[in-house]
């Protein structure tokens, strides 16, 4: 999607160039629009950010003592662990 097709999530103006600095999922044309849209965006933004933080913590947590860890193979992605 090219930049000229991104609309402001608050006022629907085209060419929104500013993003939510927390989740990076919504775009705004100005700081004023971002502030006015915050009450609507806040629950989704915080929920997304918390989910992302929990996923990162899960993926980087050390294994519990005695846990069976499957051997790493070269046919999985080292980041997302999806099969290649």
Protein backbone atom coordinates (compact mmCIF):
# COMPACT_ATOMS: atom_id res chain seq x y z
CA UNK A 1 0.00 0.00 0.00
CA UNK A 2 1.51 3.32 -1.01
CA UNK A 3 1.57 6.24 1.39
CA UNK A 4 -0.88 8.35 -0.60
CA UNK A 5 -3.58 5.74 0.04
CA UNK A 6 -3.23 5.72 3.84
CA UNK A 7 -6.04 7.66 5.49
CA UNK A 8 -6.05 9.27 8.92
CA UNK A 9 -7.85 7.00 11.39
CA UNK A 10 -9.42 10.04 13.06
CA UNK A 11 -10.56 12.27 10.19
CA UNK A 12 -10.13 10.08 7.05
CA UNK A 13 -7.89 12.60 5.28
CA UNK A 14 -5.50 10.98 2.79
CA UNK A 15 -1.72 10.93 3.13
CA UNK A 16 -1.56 10.23 6.87
CA UNK A 17 2.12 10.05 7.78
CA UNK A 18 2.14 9.83 11.59
CA UNK A 19 1.71 6.48 13.37
CA UNK A 20 0.77 5.46 16.86
CA UNK A 21 4.18 5.19 18.50
CA UNK A 22 3.05 2.30 20.70
CA UNK A 23 1.41 -0.22 18.35
CA UNK A 24 2.33 1.24 14.93
CA UNK A 25 -1.02 0.00 13.57
CA UNK A 26 -2.94 3.24 13.05
CA UNK A 27 -2.09 6.38 11.09
CA UNK A 28 -2.86 10.04 11.68
CA UNK A 29 -2.45 13.25 9.72
CA UNK A 30 -1.57 15.31 12.80
CA UNK A 31 -0.87 15.14 16.52
CA UNK A 32 -4.26 16.80 17.07
CA UNK A 33 -6.03 13.90 15.34
CA UNK A 34 -3.98 11.39 17.30
CA UNK A 35 -4.95 13.01 20.61
CA UNK A 36 -8.62 13.20 19.67
CA UNK A 37 -8.68 9.53 18.58
CA UNK A 38 -6.81 8.22 21.65
CA UNK A 39 -9.94 7.40 23.73
CA UNK A 40 -11.21 5.10 20.95
CA UNK A 41 -7.80 3.62 20.12
CA UNK A 42 -6.47 3.20 23.67
CA UNK A 43 -8.09 -0.19 24.53
CA UNK A 44 -6.97 -1.85 21.27
CA UNK A 45 -3.52 -0.30 21.42
CA UNK A 46 -2.80 -1.40 24.96
CA UNK A 47 -4.26 -4.86 24.35
CA UNK A 48 -2.10 -5.34 21.25
CA UNK A 49 1.02 -4.04 23.00
CA UNK A 50 0.46 -6.32 26.02
CA UNK A 51 -0.13 -9.34 23.76
CA UNK A 52 3.07 -8.60 21.89
CA UNK A 53 5.03 -8.23 25.13
CA UNK A 54 3.61 -11.51 26.47
CA UNK A 55 4.51 -13.34 23.25
CA UNK A 56 8.06 -11.98 23.37
CA UNK A 57 8.41 -12.98 27.04
CA UNK A 58 7.14 -16.47 26.26
CA UNK A 59 9.51 -16.95 23.34
CA UNK A 60 12.56 -15.72 25.26
CA UNK A 61 11.84 -17.34 28.66
CA UNK A 62 14.33 -19.93 29.86
CA UNK A 63 12.96 -23.46 29.94
CA UNK A 64 11.69 -24.83 33.25
CA UNK A 65 14.03 -27.29 34.98
CA UNK A 66 13.50 -30.78 33.59
CA UNK A 67 11.39 -29.58 30.66
CA UNK A 68 11.66 -31.57 27.47
CA UNK A 69 12.97 -29.25 24.77
CA UNK A 70 12.53 -30.45 21.19
CA UNK A 71 15.79 -30.38 19.23
CA UNK A 72 16.25 -27.42 16.91
CA UNK A 73 16.19 -28.36 13.28
CA UNK A 74 17.24 -26.29 10.34
CA UNK A 75 13.79 -26.58 8.74
CA UNK A 76 12.19 -24.12 11.18
CA UNK A 77 12.50 -20.36 11.41
CA UNK A 78 14.61 -19.31 14.38
CA UNK A 79 12.32 -16.37 15.09
CA UNK A 80 8.75 -17.62 14.67
CA UNK A 81 9.48 -21.37 14.80
CA UNK A 82 7.28 -21.97 11.73
CA UNK A 83 8.26 -24.72 9.33
CA UNK A 84 10.19 -23.46 6.34
